[in-house]
């Protein structure tokens, strides 16, 4: 296992663990909102806004890990019918297209984050641009993990899922 593969595996596992922590925080926010509304008759206005923001971060991390662990939707039935040399080329093209999507996602997220950074969310007091930071993070991770897949294909090895 190369240093690059170990680094990608570490980043993927850390992203997965952080996504789980964020999921637990979302559950806590929603629980607090329900308790505030029905027990104390005083709905915390920040709870729903924070839960929605955390969903963006959790989902973006999950998407990136899904790209590394090949958990995204794919039509492998056509690819496996091809001869080995064509299959390898097609898989490389697929990963390069996914990496291109990651670049575009990161670029658009950066643009929106910088455009909206000076506006504040009314319930939380954080910048509106914080909604778009997950796109930048996920896009960068998607590019990193797609490059890892291309390198692994060229070396003739498989990328081990992060959750193993």
C-alpha atoms as a PDB file:
ATOM      1  CA  UNK A   1       0.000   0.000   0.000  1.00  0.00           C
ATOM      2  CA  UNK A   2       1.520   3.306  -1.068  1.00  0.00           C
ATOM      3  CA  UNK A   3       1.666   6.451   1.035  1.00  0.00           C
ATOM      4  CA  UNK A   4      -0.923   8.066  -1.253  1.00  0.00           C
ATOM      5  CA  UNK A   5      -3.337   5.142  -0.771  1.00  0.00           C
ATOM      6  CA  UNK A   6      -2.827   5.169   3.003  1.00  0.00           C
ATOM      7  CA  UNK A   7      -3.441   8.924   3.099  1.00  0.00           C
ATOM      8  CA  UNK A   8      -6.623   8.576   1.036  1.00  0.00           C
ATOM      9  CA  UNK A   9      -7.825   5.720   3.247  1.00  0.00           C
ATOM     10  CA  UNK A  10      -7.156   7.807   6.374  1.00  0.00           C
ATOM     11  CA  UNK A  11      -8.973  10.830   4.941  1.00  0.00           C
ATOM     12  CA  UNK A  12     -11.885   8.631   3.887  1.00  0.00           C
ATOM     13  CA  UNK A  13     -12.190   6.976   7.305  1.00  0.00           C
ATOM     14  CA  UNK A  14     -11.913  10.344   9.063  1.00  0.00           C
ATOM     15  CA  UNK A  15     -14.597  11.779   6.760  1.00  0.00           C
ATOM     16  CA  UNK A  16     -16.844   8.814   7.457  1.00  0.00           C
ATOM     17  CA  UNK A  17     -16.391   9.159  11.224  1.00  0.00           C
ATOM     18  CA  UNK A  18     -17.036  12.899  11.048  1.00  0.00           C
ATOM     19  CA  UNK A  19     -20.202  12.233   9.026  1.00  0.00           C
ATOM     20  CA  UNK A  20     -21.408   9.872  11.770  1.00  0.00           C
ATOM     21  CA  UNK A  21     -20.706  12.516  14.431  1.00  0.00           C
ATOM     22  CA  UNK A  22     -22.603  15.069  12.339  1.00  0.00           C
ATOM     23  CA  UNK A  23     -25.520  12.652  12.023  1.00  0.00           C
ATOM     24  CA  UNK A  24     -25.631  12.316  15.813  1.00  0.00           C
ATOM     25  CA  UNK A  25     -25.530  16.125  16.116  1.00  0.00           C
ATOM     26  CA  UNK A  26     -28.460  16.370  13.688  1.00  0.00           C
ATOM     27  CA  UNK A  27     -30.437  13.906  15.793  1.00  0.00           C
ATOM     28  CA  UNK A  28     -29.616  15.924  18.928  1.00  0.00           C
ATOM     29  CA  UNK A  29     -30.716  19.200  17.263  1.00  0.00           C
ATOM     30  CA  UNK A  30     -34.015  17.719  16.132  1.00  0.00           C
ATOM     31  CA  UNK A  31     -34.598  16.146  19.545  1.00  0.00           C
ATOM     32  CA  UNK A  32     -33.916  19.465  21.255  1.00  0.00           C
ATOM     33  CA  UNK A  33     -36.340  21.190  18.907  1.00  0.00           C
ATOM     34  CA  UNK A  34     -39.070  18.639  19.655  1.00  0.00           C
ATOM     35  CA  UNK A  35     -38.465  18.842  23.405  1.00  0.00           C
ATOM     36  CA  UNK A  36     -38.451  22.633  23.281  1.00  0.00           C
ATOM     37  CA  UNK A  37     -41.682  22.762  21.316  1.00  0.00           C
ATOM     38  CA  UNK A  38     -43.740  20.131  23.123  1.00  0.00           C
ATOM     39  CA  UNK A  39     -42.278  20.054  26.643  1.00  0.00           C
ATOM     40  CA  UNK A  40     -41.200  23.655  27.283  1.00  0.00           C
ATOM     41  CA  UNK A  41     -43.599  25.286  24.790  1.00  0.00           C
ATOM     42  CA  UNK A  42     -40.644  27.363  23.571  1.00  0.00           C
ATOM     43  CA  UNK A  43     -39.329  26.292  20.169  1.00  0.00           C
ATOM     44  CA  UNK A  44     -35.582  26.935  19.768  1.00  0.00           C
ATOM     45  CA  UNK A  45     -35.348  28.807  16.480  1.00  0.00           C
ATOM     46  CA  UNK A  46     -31.724  27.861  15.858  1.00  0.00           C
ATOM     47  CA  UNK A  47     -32.219  24.074  16.039  1.00  0.00           C
ATOM     48  CA  UNK A  48     -33.801  23.568  12.633  1.00  0.00           C
ATOM     49  CA  UNK A  49     -31.363  25.914  10.885  1.00  0.00           C
ATOM     50  CA  UNK A  50     -28.385  24.160  12.483  1.00  0.00           C
ATOM     51  CA  UNK A  51     -29.762  20.720  11.605  1.00  0.00           C
ATOM     52  CA  UNK A  52     -30.156  21.763   7.964  1.00  0.00           C
ATOM     53  CA  UNK A  53     -26.598  23.112   7.859  1.00  0.00           C
ATOM     54  CA  UNK A  54     -25.238  19.917   9.413  1.00  0.00           C
ATOM     55  CA  UNK A  55     -27.133  17.825   6.831  1.00  0.00           C
ATOM     56  CA  UNK A  56     -25.207  19.621   4.075  1.00  0.00           C
ATOM     57  CA  UNK A  57     -21.847  18.808   5.677  1.00  0.00           C
ATOM     58  CA  UNK A  58     -22.749  15.213   6.521  1.00  0.00           C
ATOM     59  CA  UNK A  59     -24.073  14.515   3.027  1.00  0.00           C
ATOM     60  CA  UNK A  60     -21.062  16.013   1.278  1.00  0.00           C
ATOM     61  CA  UNK A  61     -18.679  13.871   3.303  1.00  0.00           C
ATOM     62  CA  UNK A  62     -20.800  10.792   2.628  1.00  0.00           C
ATOM     63  CA  UNK A  63     -20.805  11.468  -1.110  1.00  0.00           C
ATOM     64  CA  UNK A  64     -17.013  11.768  -1.187  1.00  0.00           C
ATOM     65  CA  UNK A  65     -16.550   8.544   0.777  1.00  0.00           C
ATOM     66  CA  UNK A  66     -19.041   6.877  -1.569  1.00  0.00           C
ATOM     67  CA  UNK A  67     -16.854   7.827  -4.526  1.00  0.00           C
ATOM     68  CA  UNK A  68     -13.776   6.310  -2.900  1.00  0.00           C
ATOM     69  CA  UNK A  69     -15.553   3.146  -1.840  1.00  0.00           C
ATOM     70  CA  UNK A  70     -17.242   2.839  -5.273  1.00  0.00           C
ATOM     71  CA  UNK A  71     -20.620   3.104  -3.592  1.00  0.00           C
ATOM     72  CA  UNK A  72     -22.036   5.397  -6.253  1.00  0.00           C
ATOM     73  CA  UNK A  73     -24.486   4.292  -8.898  1.00  0.00           C
ATOM     74  CA  UNK A  74     -22.868   2.565 -11.852  1.00  0.00           C
ATOM     75  CA  UNK A  75     -23.809   0.329 -14.728  1.00  0.00           C
ATOM     76  CA  UNK A  76     -21.242  -2.422 -14.410  1.00  0.00           C
ATOM     77  CA  UNK A  77     -23.133  -4.965 -16.460  1.00  0.00           C
ATOM     78  CA  UNK A  78     -22.013  -3.306 -19.696  1.00  0.00           C
ATOM     79  CA  UNK A  79     -18.431  -2.780 -18.524  1.00  0.00           C
ATOM     80  CA  UNK A  80     -17.854  -6.414 -17.516  1.00  0.00           C
ATOM     81  CA  UNK A  81     -18.870  -7.606 -20.989  1.00  0.00           C
ATOM     82  CA  UNK A  82     -16.018  -5.669 -22.618  1.00  0.00           C
ATOM     83  CA  UNK A  83     -12.566  -7.140 -23.273  1.00  0.00           C
ATOM     84  CA  UNK A  84     -10.012  -6.417 -20.531  1.00  0.00           C
ATOM     85  CA  UNK A  85      -8.136  -3.682 -22.441  1.00  0.00           C
ATOM     86  CA  UNK A  86     -11.375  -1.811 -23.239  1.00  0.00           C
ATOM     87  CA  UNK A  87     -12.724  -2.279 -19.730  1.00  0.00           C
ATOM     88  CA  UNK A  88      -9.629  -0.701 -18.205  1.00  0.00           C
ATOM     89  CA  UNK A  89      -9.785   2.278 -20.568  1.00  0.00           C
ATOM     90  CA  UNK A  90     -13.486   2.803 -19.946  1.00  0.00           C
ATOM     91  CA  UNK A  91     -13.052   2.648 -16.172  1.00  0.00           C
ATOM     92  CA  UNK A  92     -10.272   5.241 -16.363  1.00  0.00           C
ATOM     93  CA  UNK A  93     -12.508   7.504 -18.469  1.00  0.00           C
ATOM     94  CA  UNK A  94     -15.337   7.081 -15.944  1.00  0.00           C
ATOM     95  CA  UNK A  95     -13.086   8.069 -13.031  1.00  0.00           C
ATOM     96  CA  UNK A  96     -11.749  11.043 -14.982  1.00  0.00           C
ATOM     97  CA  UNK A  97     -15.325  12.169 -15.653  1.00  0.00           C
ATOM     98  CA  UNK A  98     -16.144  11.835 -11.951  1.00  0.00           C
ATOM     99  CA  UNK A  99     -13.006  13.871 -11.144  1.00  0.00           C
ATOM    100  CA  UNK A 100     -14.131  16.528 -13.635  1.00  0.00           C
ATOM    101  CA  UNK A 101     -17.477  16.666 -11.850  1.00  0.00           C
ATOM    102  CA  UNK A 102     -15.603  17.100  -8.560  1.00  0.00           C
ATOM    103  CA  UNK A 103     -13.579  19.995  -9.989  1.00  0.00           C
ATOM    104  CA  UNK A 104     -16.729  21.715 -11.253  1.00  0.00           C
ATOM    105  CA  UNK A 105     -18.462  21.102  -7.934  1.00  0.00           C
ATOM    106  CA  UNK A 106     -15.572  22.582  -5.947  1.00  0.00           C
ATOM    107  CA  UNK A 107     -15.278  25.557  -8.289  1.00  0.00           C
ATOM    108  CA  UNK A 108     -19.005  26.366  -8.164  1.00  0.00           C
ATOM    109  CA  UNK A 109     -19.079  25.871  -4.390  1.00  0.00           C
ATOM    110  CA  UNK A 110     -16.144  28.250  -3.971  1.00  0.00           C
ATOM    111  CA  UNK A 111     -17.824  30.841  -6.170  1.00  0.00           C
ATOM    112  CA  UNK A 112     -21.104  30.686  -4.247  1.00  0.00           C
ATOM    113  CA  UNK A 113     -19.381  30.608  -0.863  1.00  0.00           C
ATOM    114  CA  UNK A 114     -17.391  33.751  -1.639  1.00  0.00           C
ATOM    115  CA  UNK A 115     -20.432  35.525  -3.094  1.00  0.00           C
ATOM    116  CA  UNK A 116     -22.619  34.761  -0.060  1.00  0.00           C
ATOM    117  CA  UNK A 117     -20.004  35.028   2.707  1.00  0.00           C
ATOM    118  CA  UNK A 118     -20.972  38.551   3.799  1.00  0.00           C
ATOM    119  CA  UNK A 119     -24.650  37.669   4.287  1.00  0.00           C
ATOM    120  CA  UNK A 120     -25.596  36.225   7.686  1.00  0.00           C
ATOM    121  CA  UNK A 121     -28.072  33.453   8.405  1.00  0.00           C
ATOM    122  CA  UNK A 122     -30.763  35.035  10.580  1.00  0.00           C
ATOM    123  CA  UNK A 123     -31.222  32.122  13.002  1.00  0.00           C
ATOM    124  CA  UNK A 124     -27.574  31.143  13.446  1.00  0.00           C
ATOM    125  CA  UNK A 125     -25.514  34.258  12.776  1.00  0.00           C
ATOM    126  CA  UNK A 126     -23.091  32.344  10.553  1.00  0.00           C
ATOM    127  CA  UNK A 127     -22.362  33.393   6.967  1.00  0.00           C
ATOM    128  CA  UNK A 128     -24.744  32.191   4.238  1.00  0.00           C
ATOM    129  CA  UNK A 129     -21.620  31.093   2.378  1.00  0.00           C
ATOM    130  CA  UNK A 130     -21.182  28.318   4.940  1.00  0.00           C
ATOM    131  CA  UNK A 131     -23.901  26.445   3.044  1.00  0.00           C
ATOM    132  CA  UNK A 132     -21.577  26.133   0.052  1.00  0.00           C
ATOM    133  CA  UNK A 133     -18.344  25.134   1.810  1.00  0.00           C
ATOM    134  CA  UNK A 134     -19.403  21.448   1.784  1.00  0.00           C
ATOM    135  CA  UNK A 135     -19.452  21.566  -2.024  1.00  0.00           C
ATOM    136  CA  UNK A 136     -15.834  22.707  -2.037  1.00  0.00           C
ATOM    137  CA  UNK A 137     -14.769  20.024   0.432  1.00  0.00           C
ATOM    138  CA  UNK A 138     -16.690  17.246  -1.297  1.00  0.00           C
ATOM    139  CA  UNK A 139     -15.470  18.337  -4.738  1.00  0.00           C
ATOM    140  CA  UNK A 140     -11.843  18.308  -3.618  1.00  0.00           C
ATOM    141  CA  UNK A 141     -12.241  14.892  -1.966  1.00  0.00           C
ATOM    142  CA  UNK A 142     -13.984  13.498  -5.059  1.00  0.00           C
ATOM    143  CA  UNK A 143     -11.057  14.624  -7.213  1.00  0.00           C
ATOM    144  CA  UNK A 144      -8.558  13.113  -4.768  1.00  0.00           C
ATOM    145  CA  UNK A 145     -10.388   9.797  -4.574  1.00  0.00           C
ATOM    146  CA  UNK A 146     -10.935   9.636  -8.358  1.00  0.00           C
ATOM    147  CA  UNK A 147      -7.220  10.158  -8.924  1.00  0.00           C
ATOM    148  CA  UNK A 148      -6.583   7.348  -6.444  1.00  0.00           C
ATOM    149  CA  UNK A 149      -8.841   5.052  -8.492  1.00  0.00           C
ATOM    150  CA  UNK A 150      -7.075   5.948 -11.750  1.00  0.00           C
ATOM    151  CA  UNK A 151      -3.668   5.299 -10.182  1.00  0.00           C
ATOM    152  CA  UNK A 152      -4.906   1.981  -8.768  1.00  0.00           C
ATOM    153  CA  UNK A 153      -6.272   0.922 -12.170  1.00  0.00           C
ATOM    154  CA  UNK A 154      -2.980   1.758 -13.855  1.00  0.00           C
ATOM    155  CA  UNK A 155      -1.082  -0.238 -11.207  1.00  0.00           C
ATOM    156  CA  UNK A 156      -3.491  -3.172 -11.464  1.00  0.00           C
ATOM    157  CA  UNK A 157      -4.682  -3.036  -7.849  1.00  0.00           C
ATOM    158  CA  UNK A 158      -8.045  -2.376  -6.232  1.00  0.00           C
ATOM    159  CA  UNK A 159      -8.921   0.402  -3.823  1.00  0.00           C
ATOM    160  CA  UNK A 160      -9.915  -1.072  -0.471  1.00  0.00           C
ATOM    161  CA  UNK A 161     -13.071   0.478   1.031  1.00  0.00           C
ATOM    162  CA  UNK A 162     -12.494   2.774   4.000  1.00  0.00           C
ATOM    163  CA  UNK A 163     -14.875   0.896   6.254  1.00  0.00           C
ATOM    164  CA  UNK A 164     -12.841  -2.346   6.094  1.00  0.00           C
END
